[in-house]
Every structure is written in C-alpha cells, then in structure tokens.
Amino acid sequence: MSDITAQLHRELWTSWASLLRSYSAVHSLGREHHAVVEVSDTTILVRYGLRWMQFTQDEYRTSEGDSKPFKLTENGRAIVGDHEDEMDLFAERLASAIITV
C-alpha cells in the first residue's frame, strides 16, 4: 500500500477527529462528566475526567500508560497496534473504552 497524500491525510484526520467527538459525546450522555475532544493538525486528545487518549500521526497513547503505533489508511481504516478496523467502528470502541470503564 502506498503512502497517502498530505491532502488525503488531512481529510482522514478530520474525519477521525469527528468520529471520536461524536462517539465520545454519545457515550458520555447522562454521565458525571462530558468528554472533551481537542484537535490540532498534529494531535487529537480525548479527555473524560482524569482519563485521556491521544493520537498523533503515528502513535496512540492513554492515561493508563498504553502506547501503540497508530495509522489511518487510504482505505478509511484505522490501525492501532496490531488491530485494524473501519475508522467508525474503531472510534466507537475507543470512545466507549475511555468513558465506560
């Protein structure tokens, strides 16, 4: 698979942030805290209370000390560590994990 272009990466990055924002908001409905998603060109940070997860172009980190390789593919899939799935399915699982634990 070839490297994605800068323009495609920006589009995928924006979509990834939007998915994380939407699923984090849904999972935090009716809970003590509301999820906050901060987005820049290089970092996406999702915070819920004292817990957080952060994405850069090539890394996923959490407040629990996890650190794994991260990548968005030209096919609209996300790769975290050794796991790959559709971006929307992965975003939902990660948002759920940070909020419902």
PDB file of N, CA and C in Angstrom:
ATOM      1  N   MET A   1       0.842  -1.170   0.000  1.00  0.00           N
ATOM      2  CA  MET A   1       0.000   0.000   0.000  1.00  0.00           C
ATOM      3  C   MET A   1       0.892   1.241   0.000  1.00  0.00           C
ATOM      4  N   SER A   2       0.560   2.203  -0.828  1.00  0.00           N
ATOM      5  CA  SER A   2       1.374   3.405  -0.935  1.00  0.00           C
ATOM      6  C   SER A   2       1.045   4.382   0.186  1.00  0.00           C
ATOM      7  N   ASP A   3       1.979   5.298   0.424  1.00  0.00           N
ATOM      8  CA  ASP A   3       1.743   6.333   1.422  1.00  0.00           C
ATOM      9  C   ASP A   3       0.628   7.248   0.930  1.00  0.00           C
ATOM     10  N   ILE A   4      -0.168   7.742   1.871  1.00  0.00           N
ATOM     11  CA  ILE A   4      -1.253   8.635   1.489  1.00  0.00           C
ATOM     12  C   ILE A   4      -0.737  10.055   1.313  1.00  0.00           C
ATOM     13  N   THR A   5      -1.415  10.813   0.491  1.00  0.00           N
ATOM     14  CA  THR A   5      -1.001  12.190   0.249  1.00  0.00           C
ATOM     15  C   THR A   5      -1.325  13.055   1.465  1.00  0.00           C
ATOM     16  N   ALA A   6      -0.701  14.208   1.535  1.00  0.00           N
ATOM     17  CA  ALA A   6      -0.942  15.133   2.647  1.00  0.00           C
ATOM     18  C   ALA A   6      -2.402  15.572   2.678  1.00  0.00           C
ATOM     19  N   GLN A   7      -2.981  15.817   1.520  1.00  0.00           N
ATOM     20  CA  GLN A   7      -4.379  16.251   1.465  1.00  0.00           C
ATOM     21  C   GLN A   7      -5.313  15.150   1.948  1.00  0.00           C
ATOM     22  N   LEU A   8      -5.084  13.917   1.513  1.00  0.00           N
ATOM     23  CA  LEU A   8      -5.915  12.805   1.961  1.00  0.00           C
ATOM     24  C   LEU A   8      -5.742  12.588   3.454  1.00  0.00           C
ATOM     25  N   HIS A   9      -4.518  12.709   3.946  1.00  0.00           N
ATOM     26  CA  HIS A   9      -4.299  12.551   5.385  1.00  0.00           C
ATOM     27  C   HIS A   9      -5.079  13.591   6.174  1.00  0.00           C
ATOM     28  N   ARG A  10      -5.094  14.840   5.716  1.00  0.00           N
ATOM     29  CA  ARG A  10      -5.865  15.888   6.408  1.00  0.00           C
ATOM     30  C   ARG A  10      -7.344  15.527   6.452  1.00  0.00           C
ATOM     31  N   GLU A  11      -7.868  15.028   5.352  1.00  0.00           N
ATOM     32  CA  GLU A  11      -9.285  14.632   5.302  1.00  0.00           C
ATOM     33  C   GLU A  11      -9.564  13.476   6.258  1.00  0.00           C
ATOM     34  N   LEU A  12      -8.693  12.485   6.249  1.00  0.00           N
ATOM     35  CA  LEU A  12      -8.865  11.347   7.147  1.00  0.00           C
ATOM     36  C   LEU A  12      -8.721  11.772   8.605  1.00  0.00           C
ATOM     37  N   TRP A  13      -7.771  12.642   8.891  1.00  0.00           N
ATOM     38  CA  TRP A  13      -7.538  13.154  10.247  1.00  0.00           C
ATOM     39  C   TRP A  13      -8.774  13.897  10.748  1.00  0.00           C
ATOM     40  N   THR A  14      -9.341  14.733   9.895  1.00  0.00           N
ATOM     41  CA  THR A  14     -10.547  15.476  10.254  1.00  0.00           C
ATOM     42  C   THR A  14     -11.713  14.520  10.502  1.00  0.00           C
ATOM     43  N   SER A  15     -11.847  13.517   9.671  1.00  0.00           N
ATOM     44  CA  SER A  15     -12.904  12.521   9.842  1.00  0.00           C
ATOM     45  C   SER A  15     -12.710  11.734  11.134  1.00  0.00           C
ATOM     46  N   TRP A  16     -11.475  11.333  11.420  1.00  0.00           N
ATOM     47  CA  TRP A  16     -11.166  10.596  12.638  1.00  0.00           C
ATOM     48  C   TRP A  16     -11.534  11.434  13.868  1.00  0.00           C
ATOM     49  N   ALA A  17     -11.162  12.702  13.861  1.00  0.00           N
ATOM     50  CA  ALA A  17     -11.491  13.592  14.980  1.00  0.00           C
ATOM     51  C   ALA A  17     -13.002  13.723  15.134  1.00  0.00           C
ATOM     52  N   SER A  18     -13.713  13.859  14.035  1.00  0.00           N
ATOM     53  CA  SER A  18     -15.165  13.983  14.069  1.00  0.00           C
ATOM     54  C   SER A  18     -15.821  12.725  14.636  1.00  0.00           C
ATOM     55  N   LEU A  19     -15.339  11.568  14.207  1.00  0.00           N
ATOM     56  CA  LEU A  19     -15.874  10.312  14.736  1.00  0.00           C
ATOM     57  C   LEU A  19     -15.618  10.197  16.237  1.00  0.00           C
ATOM     58  N   LEU A  20     -14.418  10.511  16.669  1.00  0.00           N
ATOM     59  CA  LEU A  20     -14.103  10.457  18.100  1.00  0.00           C
ATOM     60  C   LEU A  20     -14.969  11.431  18.885  1.00  0.00           C
ATOM     61  N   ARG A  21     -15.175  12.621  18.340  1.00  0.00           N
ATOM     62  CA  ARG A  21     -16.003  13.622  19.009  1.00  0.00           C
ATOM     63  C   ARG A  21     -17.445  13.126  19.141  1.00  0.00           C
ATOM     64  N   SER A  22     -17.994  12.598  18.069  1.00  0.00           N
ATOM     65  CA  SER A  22     -19.387  12.128  18.079  1.00  0.00           C
ATOM     66  C   SER A  22     -19.579  10.964  19.045  1.00  0.00           C
ATOM     67  N   TYR A  23     -18.737   9.950  18.933  1.00  0.00           N
ATOM     68  CA  TYR A  23     -18.902   8.777  19.794  1.00  0.00           C
ATOM     69  C   TYR A  23     -18.592   9.090  21.252  1.00  0.00           C
ATOM     70  N   SER A  24     -17.651   9.963  21.509  1.00  0.00           N
ATOM     71  CA  SER A  24     -17.359  10.365  22.888  1.00  0.00           C
ATOM     72  C   SER A  24     -18.537  11.110  23.492  1.00  0.00           C
ATOM     73  N   ALA A  25     -19.166  11.963  22.698  1.00  0.00           N
ATOM     74  CA  ALA A  25     -20.336  12.694  23.183  1.00  0.00           C
ATOM     75  C   ALA A  25     -21.477  11.733  23.505  1.00  0.00           C
ATOM     76  N   VAL A  26     -21.722  10.789  22.637  1.00  0.00           N
ATOM     77  CA  VAL A  26     -22.808   9.828  22.857  1.00  0.00           C
ATOM     78  C   VAL A  26     -22.550   8.988  24.104  1.00  0.00           C
ATOM     79  N   HIS A  27     -21.339   8.488  24.254  1.00  0.00           N
ATOM     80  CA  HIS A  27     -21.038   7.630  25.394  1.00  0.00           C
ATOM     81  C   HIS A  27     -21.012   8.391  26.718  1.00  0.00           C
ATOM     82  N   SER A  28     -20.841   9.707  26.678  1.00  0.00           N
ATOM     83  CA  SER A  28     -20.810  10.460  27.937  1.00  0.00           C
ATOM     84  C   SER A  28     -22.165  11.071  28.296  1.00  0.00           C
ATOM     85  N   LEU A  29     -23.176  10.855  27.462  1.00  0.00           N
ATOM     86  CA  LEU A  29     -24.517  11.344  27.791  1.00  0.00           C
ATOM     87  C   LEU A  29     -24.999  10.736  29.106  1.00  0.00           C
ATOM     88  N   GLY A  30     -25.537  11.582  29.978  1.00  0.00           N
ATOM     89  CA  GLY A  30     -26.088  11.117  31.242  1.00  0.00           C
ATOM     90  C   GLY A  30     -25.048  10.693  32.263  1.00  0.00           C
ATOM     91  N   ARG A  31     -23.801  10.966  32.007  1.00  0.00           N
ATOM     92  CA  ARG A  31     -22.740  10.606  32.946  1.00  0.00           C
ATOM     93  C   ARG A  31     -22.279  11.850  33.715  1.00  0.00           C
ATOM     94  N   GLU A  32     -21.465  11.610  34.711  1.00  0.00           N
ATOM     95  CA  GLU A  32     -20.983  12.690  35.570  1.00  0.00           C
ATOM     96  C   GLU A  32     -20.182  13.734  34.797  1.00  0.00           C
ATOM     97  N   HIS A  33     -19.354  13.290  33.846  1.00  0.00           N
ATOM     98  CA  HIS A  33     -18.515  14.177  33.058  1.00  0.00           C
ATOM     99  C   HIS A  33     -18.942  14.125  31.600  1.00  0.00           C
ATOM    100  N   HIS A  34     -18.520  15.127  30.856  1.00  0.00           N
ATOM    101  CA  HIS A  34     -18.696  15.115  29.406  1.00  0.00           C
ATOM    102  C   HIS A  34     -17.314  14.997  28.779  1.00  0.00           C
ATOM    103  N   ALA A  35     -17.245  14.224  27.734  1.00  0.00           N
ATOM    104  CA  ALA A  35     -15.970  14.064  27.038  1.00  0.00           C
ATOM    105  C   ALA A  35     -15.611  15.359  26.317  1.00  0.00           C
ATOM    106  N   VAL A  36     -14.335  15.668  26.297  1.00  0.00           N
ATOM    107  CA  VAL A  36     -13.816  16.840  25.603  1.00  0.00           C
ATOM    108  C   VAL A  36     -12.808  16.350  24.576  1.00  0.00           C
ATOM    109  N   VAL A  37     -12.955  16.824  23.345  1.00  0.00           N
ATOM    110  CA  VAL A  37     -12.042  16.436  22.275  1.00  0.00           C
ATOM    111  C   VAL A  37     -11.330  17.688  21.777  1.00  0.00           C
ATOM    112  N   GLU A  38     -10.004  17.677  21.855  1.00  0.00           N
ATOM    113  CA  GLU A  38      -9.191  18.795  21.387  1.00  0.00           C
ATOM    114  C   GLU A  38      -8.441  18.335  20.143  1.00  0.00           C
ATOM    115  N   VAL A  39      -8.522  19.136  19.084  1.00  0.00           N
ATOM    116  CA  VAL A  39      -7.950  18.739  17.797  1.00  0.00           C
ATOM    117  C   VAL A  39      -7.004  19.814  17.283  1.00  0.00           C
ATOM    118  N   SER A  40      -5.830  19.374  16.846  1.00  0.00           N
ATOM    119  CA  SER A  40      -4.904  20.256  16.131  1.00  0.00           C
ATOM    120  C   SER A  40      -4.461  19.520  14.875  1.00  0.00           C
ATOM    121  N   ASP A  41      -3.596  20.144  14.115  1.00  0.00           N
ATOM    122  CA  ASP A  41      -3.094  19.495  12.902  1.00  0.00           C
ATOM    123  C   ASP A  41      -2.256  18.257  13.208  1.00  0.00           C
ATOM    124  N   THR A  42      -1.715  18.184  14.420  1.00  0.00           N
ATOM    125  CA  THR A  42      -0.798  17.090  14.746  1.00  0.00           C
ATOM    126  C   THR A  42      -1.269  16.172  15.873  1.00  0.00           C
ATOM    127  N   THR A  43      -2.287  16.591  16.622  1.00  0.00           N
ATOM    128  CA  THR A  43      -2.707  15.831  17.803  1.00  0.00           C
ATOM    129  C   THR A  43      -4.225  15.869  17.969  1.00  0.00           C
ATOM    130  N   ILE A  44      -4.763  14.732  18.377  1.00  0.00           N
ATOM    131  CA  ILE A  44      -6.161  14.663  18.817  1.00  0.00           C
ATOM    132  C   ILE A  44      -6.116  14.128  20.243  1.00  0.00           C
ATOM    133  N   LEU A  45      -6.725  14.868  21.159  1.00  0.00           N
ATOM    134  CA  LEU A  45      -6.761  14.485  22.566  1.00  0.00           C
ATOM    135  C   LEU A  45      -8.214  14.352  22.987  1.00  0.00           C
ATOM    136  N   VAL A  46      -8.586  13.193  23.520  1.00  0.00           N
ATOM    137  CA  VAL A  46      -9.924  12.959  24.051  1.00  0.00           C
ATOM    138  C   VAL A  46      -9.772  12.832  25.558  1.00  0.00           C
ATOM    139  N   ARG A  47     -10.487  13.694  26.300  1.00  0.00           N
ATOM    140  CA  ARG A  47     -10.420  13.667  27.762  1.00  0.00           C
ATOM    141  C   ARG A  47     -11.792  13.354  28.327  1.00  0.00           C
ATOM    142  N   TYR A  48     -11.800  12.528  29.361  1.00  0.00           N
ATOM    143  CA  TYR A  48     -13.015  12.236  30.112  1.00  0.00           C
ATOM    144  C   TYR A  48     -12.614  12.132  31.577  1.00  0.00           C
ATOM    145  N   GLY A  49     -12.954  13.151  32.356  1.00  0.00           N
ATOM    146  CA  GLY A  49     -12.485  13.190  33.741  1.00  0.00           C
ATOM    147  C   GLY A  49     -10.968  13.223  33.755  1.00  0.00           C
ATOM    148  N   LEU A  50     -10.371  12.302  34.493  1.00  0.00           N
ATOM    149  CA  LEU A  50      -8.905  12.227  34.565  1.00  0.00           C
ATOM    150  C   LEU A  50      -8.319  11.322  33.495  1.00  0.00           C
ATOM    151  N   ARG A  51      -9.165  10.630  32.763  1.00  0.00           N
ATOM    152  CA  ARG A  51      -8.693   9.706  31.726  1.00  0.00           C
ATOM    153  C   ARG A  51      -8.547  10.442  30.397  1.00  0.00           C
ATOM    154  N   TRP A  52      -7.619   9.986  29.580  1.00  0.00           N
ATOM    155  CA  TRP A  52      -7.435  10.600  28.264  1.00  0.00           C
ATOM    156  C   TRP A  52      -6.822   9.594  27.298  1.00  0.00           C
ATOM    157  N   MET A  53      -7.011   9.877  26.020  1.00  0.00           N
ATOM    158  CA  MET A  53      -6.302   9.165  24.963  1.00  0.00           C
ATOM    159  C   MET A  53      -5.868  10.206  23.943  1.00  0.00           C
ATOM    160  N   GLN A  54      -4.685   9.989  23.406  1.00  0.00           N
ATOM    161  CA  GLN A  54      -4.093  10.963  22.486  1.00  0.00           C
ATOM    162  C   GLN A  54      -3.609  10.250  21.225  1.00  0.00           C
ATOM    163  N   PHE A  55      -3.865  10.896  20.104  1.00  0.00           N
ATOM    164  CA  PHE A  55      -3.425  10.380  18.813  1.00  0.00           C
ATOM    165  C   PHE A  55      -2.511  11.394  18.151  1.00  0.00           C
ATOM    166  N   THR A  56      -1.428  10.898  17.586  1.00  0.00           N
ATOM    167  CA  THR A  56      -0.624  11.672  16.656  1.00  0.00           C
ATOM    168  C   THR A  56      -0.660  10.897  15.347  1.00  0.00           C
ATOM    169  N   GLN A  57       0.022  11.378  14.355  1.00  0.00           N
ATOM    170  CA  GLN A  57       0.008  10.714  13.059  1.00  0.00           C
ATOM    171  C   GLN A  57       0.476   9.263  13.159  1.00  0.00           C
ATOM    172  N   ASP A  58       1.325   8.966  14.135  1.00  0.00           N
ATOM    173  CA  ASP A  58       1.871   7.612  14.193  1.00  0.00           C
ATOM    174  C   ASP A  58       1.849   6.953  15.572  1.00  0.00           C
ATOM    175  N   GLU A  59       1.120   7.556  16.550  1.00  0.00           N
ATOM    176  CA  GLU A  59       1.107   6.966  17.886  1.00  0.00           C
ATOM    177  C   GLU A  59      -0.233   7.173  18.587  1.00  0.00           C
ATOM    178  N   TYR A  60      -0.621   6.184  19.375  1.00  0.00           N
ATOM    179  CA  TYR A  60      -1.798   6.224  20.244  1.00  0.00           C
ATOM    180  C   TYR A  60      -1.294   6.044  21.671  1.00  0.00           C
ATOM    181  N   ARG A  61      -1.656   6.973  22.569  1.00  0.00           N
ATOM    182  CA  ARG A  61      -1.250   6.886  23.969  1.00  0.00           C
ATOM    183  C   ARG A  61      -2.461   7.113  24.859  1.00  0.00           C
ATOM    184  N   THR A  62      -2.416   6.538  26.074  1.00  0.00           N
ATOM    185  CA  THR A  62      -3.507   6.736  27.019  1.00  0.00           C
ATOM    186  C   THR A  62      -2.978   7.123  28.389  1.00  0.00           C
ATOM    187  N   SER A  63      -3.884   7.606  29.224  1.00  0.00           N
ATOM    188  CA  SER A  63      -3.532   7.965  30.594  1.00  0.00           C
ATOM    189  C   SER A  63      -3.152   6.740  31.411  1.00  0.00           C
ATOM    190  N   GLU A  64      -3.509   5.547  30.949  1.00  0.00           N
ATOM    191  CA  GLU A  64      -3.160   4.308  31.644  1.00  0.00           C
ATOM    192  C   GLU A  64      -1.758   3.827  31.282  1.00  0.00           C
ATOM    193  N   GLY A  65      -1.059   4.569  30.441  1.00  0.00           N
ATOM    194  CA  GLY A  65       0.306   4.222  30.091  1.00  0.00           C
ATOM    195  C   GLY A  65       0.458   3.412  28.812  1.00  0.00           C
ATOM    196  N   ASP A  66      -0.648   3.146  28.121  1.00  0.00           N
ATOM    197  CA  ASP A  66      -0.562   2.432  26.845  1.00  0.00           C
ATOM    198  C   ASP A  66       0.058   3.333  25.786  1.00  0.00           C
ATOM    199  N   SER A  67       0.858   2.750  24.940  1.00  0.00           N
ATOM    200  CA  SER A  67       1.430   3.442  23.796  1.00  0.00           C
ATOM    201  C   SER A  67       1.555   2.424  22.670  1.00  0.00           C
ATOM    202  N   LYS A  68       0.903   2.716  21.544  1.00  0.00           N
ATOM    203  CA  LYS A  68       0.910   1.791  20.414  1.00  0.00           C
ATOM    204  C   LYS A  68       1.056   2.577  19.119  1.00  0.00           C
ATOM    205  N   PRO A  69       1.583   1.927  18.093  1.00  0.00           N
ATOM    206  CA  PRO A  69       1.603   2.574  16.779  1.00  0.00           C
ATOM    207  C   PRO A  69       0.172   2.850  16.307  1.00  0.00           C
ATOM    208  N   PHE A  70      -0.003   3.946  15.584  1.00  0.00           N
ATOM    209  CA  PHE A  70      -1.310   4.344  15.067  1.00  0.00           C
ATOM    210  C   PHE A  70      -1.158   4.797  13.623  1.00  0.00           C
ATOM    211  N   LYS A  71      -2.151   4.454  12.814  1.00  0.00           N
ATOM    212  CA  LYS A  71      -2.107   4.859  11.412  1.00  0.00           C
ATOM    213  C   LYS A  71      -3.524   4.899  10.848  1.00  0.00           C
ATOM    214  N   LEU A  72      -3.781   5.876   9.994  1.00  0.00           N
ATOM    215  CA  LEU A  72      -5.001   5.918   9.194  1.00  0.00           C
ATOM    216  C   LEU A  72      -4.618   5.512   7.787  1.00  0.00           C
ATOM    217  N   THR A  73      -5.392   4.628   7.177  1.00  0.00           N
ATOM    218  CA  THR A  73      -5.051   4.134   5.846  1.00  0.00           C
ATOM    219  C   THR A  73      -5.856   4.843   4.770  1.00  0.00           C
ATOM    220  N   GLU A  74      -5.374   4.736   3.554  1.00  0.00           N
ATOM    221  CA  GLU A  74      -6.063   5.371   2.425  1.00  0.00           C
ATOM    222  C   GLU A  74      -7.435   4.756   2.172  1.00  0.00           C
ATOM    223  N   ASN A  75      -7.701   3.592   2.750  1.00  0.00           N
ATOM    224  CA  ASN A  75      -8.994   2.928   2.604  1.00  0.00           C
ATOM    225  C   ASN A  75      -9.988   3.327   3.688  1.00  0.00           C
ATOM    226  N   GLY A  76      -9.625   4.292   4.532  1.00  0.00           N
ATOM    227  CA  GLY A  76     -10.531   4.731   5.589  1.00  0.00           C
ATOM    228  C   GLY A  76     -10.568   3.783   6.773  1.00  0.00           C
ATOM    229  N   ARG A  77      -9.460   3.147   7.031  1.00  0.00           N
ATOM    230  CA  ARG A  77      -9.359   2.240   8.166  1.00  0.00           C
ATOM    231  C   ARG A  77      -8.348   2.799   9.161  1.00  0.00           C
ATOM    232  N   ALA A  78      -8.495   2.395  10.406  1.00  0.00           N
ATOM    233  CA  ALA A  78      -7.554   2.798  11.452  1.00  0.00           C
ATOM    234  C   ALA A  78      -6.800   1.570  11.927  1.00  0.00           C
ATOM    235  N   ILE A  79      -5.523   1.765  12.218  1.00  0.00           N
ATOM    236  CA  ILE A  79      -4.686   0.707  12.762  1.00  0.00           C
ATOM    237  C   ILE A  79      -4.132   1.198  14.096  1.00  0.00           C
ATOM    238  N   VAL A  80      -4.424   0.445  15.152  1.00  0.00           N
ATOM    239  CA  VAL A  80      -3.886   0.737  16.479  1.00  0.00           C
ATOM    240  C   VAL A  80      -3.170  -0.524  16.939  1.00  0.00           C
ATOM    241  N   GLY A  81      -1.871  -0.411  17.087  1.00  0.00           N
ATOM    242  CA  GLY A  81      -1.088  -1.597  17.426  1.00  0.00           C
ATOM    243  C   GLY A  81      -1.207  -2.619  16.315  1.00  0.00           C
ATOM    244  N   ASP A  82      -1.628  -3.829  16.673  1.00  0.00           N
ATOM    245  CA  ASP A  82      -1.783  -4.906  15.706  1.00  0.00           C
ATOM    246  C   ASP A  82      -3.214  -5.043  15.199  1.00  0.00           C
ATOM    247  N   HIS A  83      -4.104  -4.144  15.602  1.00  0.00           N
ATOM    248  CA  HIS A  83      -5.522  -4.255  15.253  1.00  0.00           C
ATOM    249  C   HIS A  83      -5.902  -3.232  14.191  1.00  0.00           C
ATOM    250  N   GLU A  84      -6.679  -3.683  13.216  1.00  0.00           N
ATOM    251  CA  GLU A  84      -7.139  -2.815  12.135  1.00  0.00           C
ATOM    252  C   GLU A  84      -8.641  -2.981  11.966  1.00  0.00           C
ATOM    253  N   ASP A  85      -9.343  -1.859  11.748  1.00  0.00           N
ATOM    254  CA  ASP A  85     -10.780  -1.907  11.512  1.00  0.00           C
ATOM    255  C   ASP A  85     -11.208  -0.619  10.819  1.00  0.00           C
ATOM    256  N   GLU A  86     -12.471  -0.593  10.406  1.00  0.00           N
ATOM    257  CA  GLU A  86     -13.038   0.618   9.827  1.00  0.00           C
ATOM    258  C   GLU A  86     -12.925   1.747  10.853  1.00  0.00           C
ATOM    259  N   MET A  87     -12.680   2.958  10.376  1.00  0.00           N
ATOM    260  CA  MET A  87     -12.486   4.093  11.282  1.00  0.00           C
ATOM    261  C   MET A  87     -13.649   4.272  12.239  1.00  0.00           C
ATOM    262  N   ASP A  88     -14.884   4.191  11.747  1.00  0.00           N
ATOM    263  CA  ASP A  88     -16.029   4.440  12.621  1.00  0.00           C
ATOM    264  C   ASP A  88     -16.162   3.372  13.702  1.00  0.00           C
ATOM    265  N   LEU A  89     -15.910   2.129  13.371  1.00  0.00           N
ATOM    266  CA  LEU A  89     -16.006   1.059  14.363  1.00  0.00           C
ATOM    267  C   LEU A  89     -14.912   1.187  15.415  1.00  0.00           C
ATOM    268  N   PHE A  90     -13.705   1.532  14.981  1.00  0.00           N
ATOM    269  CA  PHE A  90     -12.595   1.692  15.928  1.00  0.00           C
ATOM    270  C   PHE A  90     -12.835   2.901  16.834  1.00  0.00           C
ATOM    271  N   ALA A  91     -13.291   4.003  16.263  1.00  0.00           N
ATOM    272  CA  ALA A  91     -13.544   5.208  17.060  1.00  0.00           C
ATOM    273  C   ALA A  91     -14.601   4.938  18.126  1.00  0.00           C
ATOM    274  N   GLU A  92     -15.630   4.194  17.760  1.00  0.00           N
ATOM    275  CA  GLU A  92     -16.695   3.878  18.728  1.00  0.00           C
ATOM    276  C   GLU A  92     -16.151   3.038  19.869  1.00  0.00           C
ATOM    277  N   ARG A  93     -15.357   2.028  19.550  1.00  0.00           N
ATOM    278  CA  ARG A  93     -14.791   1.160  20.600  1.00  0.00           C
ATOM    279  C   ARG A  93     -13.868   1.935  21.526  1.00  0.00           C
ATOM    280  N   LEU A  94     -13.020   2.778  20.951  1.00  0.00           N
ATOM    281  CA  LEU A  94     -12.078   3.533  21.789  1.00  0.00           C
ATOM    282  C   LEU A  94     -12.794   4.548  22.671  1.00  0.00           C
ATOM    283  N   ALA A  95     -13.805   5.221  22.113  1.00  0.00           N
ATOM    284  CA  ALA A  95     -14.569   6.187  22.915  1.00  0.00           C
ATOM    285  C   ALA A  95     -15.295   5.474  24.052  1.00  0.00           C
ATOM    286  N   SER A  96     -15.881   4.353  23.740  1.00  0.00           N
ATOM    287  CA  SER A  96     -16.573   3.577  24.771  1.00  0.00           C
ATOM    288  C   SER A  96     -15.609   3.142  25.872  1.00  0.00           C
ATOM    289  N   ALA A  97     -14.432   2.687  25.486  1.00  0.00           N
ATOM    290  CA  ALA A  97     -13.454   2.191  26.438  1.00  0.00           C
ATOM    291  C   ALA A  97     -12.987   3.268  27.414  1.00  0.00           C
ATOM    292  N   ILE A  98     -12.801   4.464  26.946  1.00  0.00           N
ATOM    293  CA  ILE A  98     -12.286   5.514  27.844  1.00  0.00           C
ATOM    294  C   ILE A  98     -13.380   6.028  28.778  1.00  0.00           C
ATOM    295  N   ILE A  99     -14.629   5.923  28.362  1.00  0.00           N
ATOM    296  CA  ILE A  99     -15.722   6.512  29.137  1.00  0.00           C
ATOM    297  C   ILE A  99     -16.417   5.502  30.032  1.00  0.00           C
ATOM    298  N   THR A 100     -16.590   4.283  29.600  1.00  0.00           N
ATOM    299  CA  THR A 100     -17.406   3.341  30.352  1.00  0.00           C
ATOM    300  C   THR A 100     -16.636   2.467  31.322  1.00  0.00           C
ATOM    301  N   VAL A 101     -15.330   2.617  31.380  1.00  0.00           N
ATOM    302  CA  VAL A 101     -14.547   1.797  32.316  1.00  0.00           C
ATOM    303  C   VAL A 101     -14.634   2.370  33.704  1.00  0.00           C
TER     304      VAL A 101
END
